[in-house]
Amino acid sequence: MADPGNIVTLTDPSSAASEAYRTLRMNLQFASLDRQIRSLLVTSPGASEGKTTTLANLAVTMAQIDQRVIMVDCDLRRPGLHLLFGLNNEQGLTNMVLDDDALANPPLQATSVPGLSLLASGELPPRPSDLLASKRMEAVLARLLELADLVLLDAAPIMTVTDAVMLATKVDEVLLVTSAGVTKREQAQAAIERLKKVNAHIIGTALTNADVSSALHSY
């Protein structure tokens, strides 16, 4: 389960880890000078590699430079963003996909960070991949983009299910999160190949669980 203490950009903003997230933000901004990023998918090759924590901290740093940011929990198998921010999971993405009223008025939840909102997963569906691949999901994303400068989507790991690959075709860029000592090189390469097969735009990778002096890097 997600740990609220993992939002280090809130609990310890002067730490080396927080500075690393701000560096990640800057690197993403420089990497997108020629093409504005409005939607970014964050995923990982496997489980427990830090994708949700990375997205949460990146979202905080983006909101702190006066951007309107919406986090979307598209991990419809093990949602964790609501836990990180101490919010509920009763309504969210699945409601927007299934209900016209929710699409028109998204059930967003405000966080303690000005400008940062969460669209939780909502009730977990029996077939997440079908829901995420649907045309209705494209309508959901379009509606959220009307309300935010940046939409960050958290998706299930690439090598376990097809969810992230489906979503990768609907967003501007993909950030792949890997973990030092956990992610195997062949797993990362296989994940990248799956994304390339659907012509996803991979903006870079973020390395988690490295030593504190280089906690995160994008390249």
C-alpha atoms as a PDB file:
ATOM      1  CA  MET A   1       0.000   0.000   0.000  1.00  0.00           C
ATOM      2  CA  ALA A   2       1.065   3.579  -0.577  1.00  0.00           C
ATOM      3  CA  ASP A   3       2.600   5.457   2.314  1.00  0.00           C
ATOM      4  CA  PRO A   4       1.688   9.149   2.864  1.00  0.00           C
ATOM      5  CA  GLY A   5       5.262   9.740   3.963  1.00  0.00           C
ATOM      6  CA  ASN A   6       6.380   9.044   0.405  1.00  0.00           C
ATOM      7  CA  ILE A   7       5.287  12.514  -0.751  1.00  0.00           C
ATOM      8  CA  VAL A   8       8.664  13.870   0.264  1.00  0.00           C
ATOM      9  CA  THR A   9       8.141  17.084  -1.706  1.00  0.00           C
ATOM     10  CA  LEU A  10       5.529  17.926   0.945  1.00  0.00           C
ATOM     11  CA  THR A  11       7.016  16.381   4.070  1.00  0.00           C
ATOM     12  CA  ASP A  12      10.638  17.412   3.472  1.00  0.00           C
ATOM     13  CA  PRO A  13      10.830  19.930   0.617  1.00  0.00           C
ATOM     14  CA  SER A  14      14.458  20.863   1.310  1.00  0.00           C
ATOM     15  CA  SER A  15      15.728  17.273   1.083  1.00  0.00           C
ATOM     16  CA  ALA A  16      17.937  15.871  -1.652  1.00  0.00           C
ATOM     17  CA  ALA A  17      15.067  13.637  -2.785  1.00  0.00           C
ATOM     18  CA  SER A  18      12.755  16.632  -3.194  1.00  0.00           C
ATOM     19  CA  GLU A  19      15.409  18.431  -5.190  1.00  0.00           C
ATOM     20  CA  ALA A  20      15.705  15.352  -7.394  1.00  0.00           C
ATOM     21  CA  TYR A  21      11.978  15.535  -8.183  1.00  0.00           C
ATOM     22  CA  ARG A  22      12.348  19.190  -9.080  1.00  0.00           C
ATOM     23  CA  THR A  23      15.242  18.225 -11.349  1.00  0.00           C
ATOM     24  CA  LEU A  24      13.000  15.631 -12.973  1.00  0.00           C
ATOM     25  CA  ARG A  25      10.400  18.338 -13.538  1.00  0.00           C
ATOM     26  CA  MET A  26      12.991  20.601 -15.131  1.00  0.00           C
ATOM     27  CA  ASN A  27      14.320  17.817 -17.351  1.00  0.00           C
ATOM     28  CA  LEU A  28      10.809  17.032 -18.585  1.00  0.00           C
ATOM     29  CA  GLN A  29      10.245  20.702 -19.345  1.00  0.00           C
ATOM     30  CA  PHE A  30      13.465  20.944 -21.350  1.00  0.00           C
ATOM     31  CA  ALA A  31      12.691  17.702 -23.175  1.00  0.00           C
ATOM     32  CA  SER A  32       9.366  19.121 -24.335  1.00  0.00           C
ATOM     33  CA  LEU A  33      10.456  22.562 -25.560  1.00  0.00           C
ATOM     34  CA  ASP A  34       9.305  21.815 -29.111  1.00  0.00           C
ATOM     35  CA  ARG A  35       6.091  20.019 -28.134  1.00  0.00           C
ATOM     36  CA  GLN A  36       3.981  21.070 -25.165  1.00  0.00           C
ATOM     37  CA  ILE A  37       3.061  18.214 -22.856  1.00  0.00           C
ATOM     38  CA  ARG A  38      -0.564  18.311 -21.736  1.00  0.00           C
ATOM     39  CA  SER A  39      -0.922  14.632 -20.805  1.00  0.00           C
ATOM     40  CA  LEU A  40       1.760  12.371 -19.340  1.00  0.00           C
ATOM     41  CA  LEU A  41       1.421   8.669 -18.562  1.00  0.00           C
ATOM     42  CA  VAL A  42       3.573   7.323 -15.725  1.00  0.00           C
ATOM     43  CA  THR A  43       4.124   3.574 -15.554  1.00  0.00           C
ATOM     44  CA  SER A  44       6.793   0.957 -14.830  1.00  0.00           C
ATOM     45  CA  PRO A  45       7.875  -2.430 -16.153  1.00  0.00           C
ATOM     46  CA  GLY A  46       6.789  -4.279 -12.995  1.00  0.00           C
ATOM     47  CA  ALA A  47       5.274  -3.828  -9.564  1.00  0.00           C
ATOM     48  CA  SER A  48       6.827  -2.012  -6.593  1.00  0.00           C
ATOM     49  CA  GLU A  49       9.111   0.184  -8.690  1.00  0.00           C
ATOM     50  CA  GLY A  50       7.820   3.527  -7.427  1.00  0.00           C
ATOM     51  CA  LYS A  51       5.607   4.769 -10.267  1.00  0.00           C
ATOM     52  CA  THR A  52       2.790   6.065  -8.038  1.00  0.00           C
ATOM     53  CA  THR A  53       5.151   7.802  -5.638  1.00  0.00           C
ATOM     54  CA  THR A  54       7.041   9.334  -8.562  1.00  0.00           C
ATOM     55  CA  LEU A  55       3.825  10.639 -10.121  1.00  0.00           C
ATOM     56  CA  ALA A  56       2.613  12.104  -6.820  1.00  0.00           C
ATOM     57  CA  ASN A  57       5.848  13.961  -6.132  1.00  0.00           C
ATOM     58  CA  LEU A  58       6.156  15.140  -9.723  1.00  0.00           C
ATOM     59  CA  ALA A  59       2.561  16.410  -9.579  1.00  0.00           C
ATOM     60  CA  VAL A  60       3.323  18.407  -6.437  1.00  0.00           C
ATOM     61  CA  THR A  61       6.357  20.059  -8.031  1.00  0.00           C
ATOM     62  CA  MET A  62       4.365  20.892 -11.163  1.00  0.00           C
ATOM     63  CA  ALA A  63       1.553  22.484  -9.139  1.00  0.00           C
ATOM     64  CA  GLN A  64       4.114  24.473  -7.174  1.00  0.00           C
ATOM     65  CA  ILE A  65       5.036  26.400 -10.338  1.00  0.00           C
ATOM     66  CA  ASP A  66       1.423  27.556 -10.727  1.00  0.00           C
ATOM     67  CA  GLN A  67       0.208  24.852 -13.070  1.00  0.00           C
ATOM     68  CA  ARG A  68      -3.273  23.384 -12.782  1.00  0.00           C
ATOM     69  CA  VAL A  69      -2.559  19.670 -12.427  1.00  0.00           C
ATOM     70  CA  ILE A  70      -4.950  16.729 -12.349  1.00  0.00           C
ATOM     71  CA  MET A  71      -3.702  13.300 -11.272  1.00  0.00           C
ATOM     72  CA  VAL A  72      -5.727  10.394 -12.658  1.00  0.00           C
ATOM     73  CA  ASP A  73      -5.533   6.969 -11.050  1.00  0.00           C
ATOM     74  CA  CYS A  74      -5.756   4.660 -14.061  1.00  0.00           C
ATOM     75  CA  ASP A  75      -4.319   1.728 -12.106  1.00  0.00           C
ATOM     76  CA  LEU A  76      -7.656  -0.031 -11.921  1.00  0.00           C
ATOM     77  CA  ARG A  77      -6.118  -3.087 -10.282  1.00  0.00           C
ATOM     78  CA  ARG A  78      -4.172  -1.598  -7.354  1.00  0.00           C
ATOM     79  CA  PRO A  79      -5.047   2.111  -7.099  1.00  0.00           C
ATOM     80  CA  GLY A  80      -2.848   4.009  -4.660  1.00  0.00           C
ATOM     81  CA  LEU A  81      -2.958   7.750  -5.295  1.00  0.00           C
ATOM     82  CA  HIS A  82      -5.935   8.318  -2.987  1.00  0.00           C
ATOM     83  CA  LEU A  83      -4.019   6.649  -0.165  1.00  0.00           C
ATOM     84  CA  LEU A  84      -0.995   8.877  -0.660  1.00  0.00           C
ATOM     85  CA  PHE A  85      -3.117  12.006  -0.352  1.00  0.00           C
ATOM     86  CA  GLY A  86      -5.507  10.734   2.313  1.00  0.00           C
ATOM     87  CA  LEU A  87      -8.545  10.937   0.027  1.00  0.00           C
ATOM     88  CA  ASN A  88     -11.361   8.503  -0.783  1.00  0.00           C
ATOM     89  CA  ASN A  89     -11.800   6.179  -3.734  1.00  0.00           C
ATOM     90  CA  GLU A  90     -15.588   6.030  -3.904  1.00  0.00           C
ATOM     91  CA  GLN A  91     -15.954   7.961  -7.158  1.00  0.00           C
ATOM     92  CA  GLY A  92     -13.537   8.737  -9.930  1.00  0.00           C
ATOM     93  CA  LEU A  93     -12.434   7.578 -13.348  1.00  0.00           C
ATOM     94  CA  THR A  94     -14.877   4.719 -13.759  1.00  0.00           C
ATOM     95  CA  ASN A  95     -17.769   7.063 -12.977  1.00  0.00           C
ATOM     96  CA  MET A  96     -16.655   9.424 -15.758  1.00  0.00           C
ATOM     97  CA  VAL A  97     -16.440   6.556 -18.228  1.00  0.00           C
ATOM     98  CA  LEU A  98     -19.882   5.192 -17.377  1.00  0.00           C
ATOM     99  CA  ASP A  99     -21.931   8.255 -16.437  1.00  0.00           C
ATOM    100  CA  ASP A 100     -22.634  11.343 -18.565  1.00  0.00           C
ATOM    101  CA  ASP A 101     -23.190  13.528 -15.511  1.00  0.00           C
ATOM    102  CA  ALA A 102     -19.794  12.565 -14.101  1.00  0.00           C
ATOM    103  CA  LEU A 103     -18.199  13.257 -17.471  1.00  0.00           C
ATOM    104  CA  ALA A 104     -19.674  16.746 -17.495  1.00  0.00           C
ATOM    105  CA  ASN A 105     -18.807  17.344 -13.832  1.00  0.00           C
ATOM    106  CA  PRO A 106     -15.744  15.248 -12.989  1.00  0.00           C
ATOM    107  CA  PRO A 107     -15.628  13.999  -9.373  1.00  0.00           C
ATOM    108  CA  LEU A 108     -12.287  15.673  -8.675  1.00  0.00           C
ATOM    109  CA  GLN A 109     -10.930  15.901  -5.154  1.00  0.00           C
ATOM    110  CA  ALA A 110      -8.800  18.827  -4.041  1.00  0.00           C
ATOM    111  CA  THR A 111      -5.486  18.095  -2.320  1.00  0.00           C
ATOM    112  CA  SER A 112      -3.600  20.205   0.221  1.00  0.00           C
ATOM    113  CA  VAL A 113      -1.545  21.620  -2.669  1.00  0.00           C
ATOM    114  CA  PRO A 114      -3.121  24.603  -4.454  1.00  0.00           C
ATOM    115  CA  GLY A 115      -3.851  23.769  -8.076  1.00  0.00           C
ATOM    116  CA  LEU A 116      -3.480  20.007  -7.606  1.00  0.00           C
ATOM    117  CA  SER A 117      -6.509  17.709  -7.859  1.00  0.00           C
ATOM    118  CA  LEU A 118      -7.068  13.963  -7.923  1.00  0.00           C
ATOM    119  CA  LEU A 119      -9.421  11.888 -10.016  1.00  0.00           C
ATOM    120  CA  ALA A 120      -9.379   8.628  -8.076  1.00  0.00           C
ATOM    121  CA  SER A 121     -10.047   5.306  -9.781  1.00  0.00           C
ATOM    122  CA  GLY A 122     -13.582   4.862  -8.490  1.00  0.00           C
ATOM    123  CA  GLU A 123     -15.113   1.381  -8.355  1.00  0.00           C
ATOM    124  CA  LEU A 124     -12.790  -1.175  -9.930  1.00  0.00           C
ATOM    125  CA  PRO A 125     -14.204  -2.684 -13.139  1.00  0.00           C
ATOM    126  CA  PRO A 126     -14.071  -6.394 -14.082  1.00  0.00           C
ATOM    127  CA  ARG A 127     -12.146  -5.692 -17.316  1.00  0.00           C
ATOM    128  CA  PRO A 128      -9.893  -2.645 -16.826  1.00  0.00           C
ATOM    129  CA  SER A 129      -8.149  -2.953 -20.205  1.00  0.00           C
ATOM    130  CA  ASP A 130     -11.427  -2.728 -22.120  1.00  0.00           C
ATOM    131  CA  LEU A 131     -12.468   0.369 -20.202  1.00  0.00           C
ATOM    132  CA  LEU A 132      -9.132   2.130 -20.688  1.00  0.00           C
ATOM    133  CA  ALA A 133      -9.018   1.286 -24.407  1.00  0.00           C
ATOM    134  CA  SER A 134     -12.510   2.636 -25.069  1.00  0.00           C
ATOM    135  CA  LYS A 135     -13.456   5.761 -27.009  1.00  0.00           C
ATOM    136  CA  ARG A 136     -15.150   6.959 -23.849  1.00  0.00           C
ATOM    137  CA  MET A 137     -11.736   7.101 -22.160  1.00  0.00           C
ATOM    138  CA  GLU A 138     -10.634   9.536 -24.844  1.00  0.00           C
ATOM    139  CA  ALA A 139     -13.635  11.713 -23.988  1.00  0.00           C
ATOM    140  CA  VAL A 140     -12.656  11.593 -20.316  1.00  0.00           C
ATOM    141  CA  LEU A 141      -9.140  12.748 -21.103  1.00  0.00           C
ATOM    142  CA  ALA A 142     -10.414  15.519 -23.357  1.00  0.00           C
ATOM    143  CA  ARG A 143     -12.722  16.765 -20.584  1.00  0.00           C
ATOM    144  CA  LEU A 144      -9.907  16.780 -18.018  1.00  0.00           C
ATOM    145  CA  LEU A 145      -7.657  18.711 -20.404  1.00  0.00           C
ATOM    146  CA  GLU A 146     -10.294  21.442 -20.427  1.00  0.00           C
ATOM    147  CA  LEU A 147      -9.799  21.824 -16.685  1.00  0.00           C
ATOM    148  CA  ALA A 148      -6.029  21.514 -16.318  1.00  0.00           C
ATOM    149  CA  ASP A 149      -2.720  22.572 -17.788  1.00  0.00           C
ATOM    150  CA  LEU A 150      -1.328  19.073 -17.202  1.00  0.00           C
ATOM    151  CA  VAL A 151      -2.968  15.679 -16.689  1.00  0.00           C
ATOM    152  CA  LEU A 152      -0.805  12.961 -15.115  1.00  0.00           C
ATOM    153  CA  LEU A 153      -2.032   9.374 -15.459  1.00  0.00           C
ATOM    154  CA  ASP A 154      -0.881   6.519 -13.226  1.00  0.00           C
ATOM    155  CA  ALA A 155      -1.167   3.148 -14.984  1.00  0.00           C
ATOM    156  CA  ALA A 156      -0.612  -0.480 -14.015  1.00  0.00           C
ATOM    157  CA  PRO A 157       2.816  -2.002 -14.783  1.00  0.00           C
ATOM    158  CA  ILE A 158       3.463  -2.721 -18.457  1.00  0.00           C
ATOM    159  CA  MET A 159       4.762  -6.277 -18.190  1.00  0.00           C
ATOM    160  CA  THR A 160       1.811  -7.631 -16.191  1.00  0.00           C
ATOM    161  CA  VAL A 161      -1.218  -6.296 -18.095  1.00  0.00           C
ATOM    162  CA  THR A 162      -1.971  -4.325 -21.274  1.00  0.00           C
ATOM    163  CA  ASP A 163      -3.523  -1.284 -19.537  1.00  0.00           C
ATOM    164  CA  ALA A 164      -0.538   1.061 -19.836  1.00  0.00           C
ATOM    165  CA  VAL A 165       0.069   0.169 -23.481  1.00  0.00           C
ATOM    166  CA  MET A 166      -3.572   0.970 -24.264  1.00  0.00           C
ATOM    167  CA  LEU A 167      -3.323   4.336 -22.522  1.00  0.00           C
ATOM    168  CA  ALA A 168       0.030   5.177 -24.113  1.00  0.00           C
ATOM    169  CA  THR A 169      -1.722   5.699 -27.443  1.00  0.00           C
ATOM    170  CA  LYS A 170      -3.976   8.391 -25.929  1.00  0.00           C
ATOM    171  CA  VAL A 171      -1.407  10.675 -24.226  1.00  0.00           C
ATOM    172  CA  ASP A 172       1.305  13.066 -25.343  1.00  0.00           C
ATOM    173  CA  GLU A 173       4.212  11.356 -23.578  1.00  0.00           C
ATOM    174  CA  VAL A 174       5.125   8.368 -21.401  1.00  0.00           C
ATOM    175  CA  LEU A 175       7.512   8.394 -18.432  1.00  0.00           C
ATOM    176  CA  LEU A 176       8.871   4.961 -17.523  1.00  0.00           C
ATOM    177  CA  VAL A 177       9.815   4.460 -13.866  1.00  0.00           C
ATOM    178  CA  THR A 178      12.473   1.894 -12.970  1.00  0.00           C
ATOM    179  CA  SER A 179      13.918   0.963  -9.600  1.00  0.00           C
ATOM    180  CA  ALA A 180      17.570   0.448  -8.705  1.00  0.00           C
ATOM    181  CA  GLY A 181      18.088  -3.110  -7.534  1.00  0.00           C
ATOM    182  CA  VAL A 182      14.575  -4.166  -8.566  1.00  0.00           C
ATOM    183  CA  THR A 183      14.100  -3.572 -12.284  1.00  0.00           C
ATOM    184  CA  LYS A 184      16.061  -5.954 -14.476  1.00  0.00           C
ATOM    185  CA  ARG A 185      17.575  -4.569 -17.658  1.00  0.00           C
ATOM    186  CA  GLU A 186      15.676  -7.025 -19.845  1.00  0.00           C
ATOM    187  CA  GLN A 187      12.387  -6.030 -18.191  1.00  0.00           C
ATOM    188  CA  ALA A 188      13.004  -2.357 -18.927  1.00  0.00           C
ATOM    189  CA  GLN A 189      13.970  -3.139 -22.522  1.00  0.00           C
ATOM    190  CA  ALA A 190      10.875  -5.306 -23.002  1.00  0.00           C
ATOM    191  CA  ALA A 191       8.644  -2.555 -21.598  1.00  0.00           C
ATOM    192  CA  ILE A 192      10.158  -0.008 -23.980  1.00  0.00           C
ATOM    193  CA  GLU A 193       9.641  -2.362 -26.910  1.00  0.00           C
ATOM    194  CA  ARG A 194       5.963  -2.806 -26.025  1.00  0.00           C
ATOM    195  CA  LEU A 195       5.519   0.956 -25.972  1.00  0.00           C
ATOM    196  CA  LYS A 196       7.352   1.398 -29.259  1.00  0.00           C
ATOM    197  CA  LYS A 197       5.084  -1.142 -30.952  1.00  0.00           C
ATOM    198  CA  VAL A 198       2.118   1.204 -30.416  1.00  0.00           C
ATOM    199  CA  ASN A 199       4.176   4.275 -31.422  1.00  0.00           C
ATOM    200  CA  ALA A 200       4.078   5.730 -27.921  1.00  0.00           C
ATOM    201  CA  HIS A 201       6.190   8.821 -27.267  1.00  0.00           C
ATOM    202  CA  ILE A 202       8.614   7.905 -24.474  1.00  0.00           C
ATOM    203  CA  ILE A 203       9.988  11.113 -22.998  1.00  0.00           C
ATOM    204  CA  GLY A 204      12.424   9.335 -20.678  1.00  0.00           C
ATOM    205  CA  THR A 205      12.859   7.228 -17.575  1.00  0.00           C
ATOM    206  CA  ALA A 206      13.027   7.952 -13.865  1.00  0.00           C
ATOM    207  CA  LEU A 207      15.224   5.862 -11.583  1.00  0.00           C
ATOM    208  CA  THR A 208      13.991   5.358  -8.035  1.00  0.00           C
ATOM    209  CA  ASN A 209      15.596   3.841  -4.936  1.00  0.00           C
ATOM    210  CA  ALA A 210      19.068   4.943  -5.950  1.00  0.00           C
ATOM    211  CA  ASP A 211      21.398   6.413  -3.319  1.00  0.00           C
ATOM    212  CA  VAL A 212      20.169   9.685  -1.838  1.00  0.00           C
ATOM    213  CA  SER A 213      22.652  11.788  -3.790  1.00  0.00           C
ATOM    214  CA  SER A 214      21.068  10.706  -7.081  1.00  0.00           C
ATOM    215  CA  ALA A 215      17.575   9.662  -6.078  1.00  0.00           C
ATOM    216  CA  LEU A 216      15.978  10.410  -9.444  1.00  0.00           C
ATOM    217  CA  HIS A 217      17.264  11.037 -12.914  1.00  0.00           C
ATOM    218  CA  SER A 218      15.532  11.364 -16.260  1.00  0.00           C
ATOM    219  CA  TYR A 219      17.359  10.692 -19.477  1.00  0.00           C
END
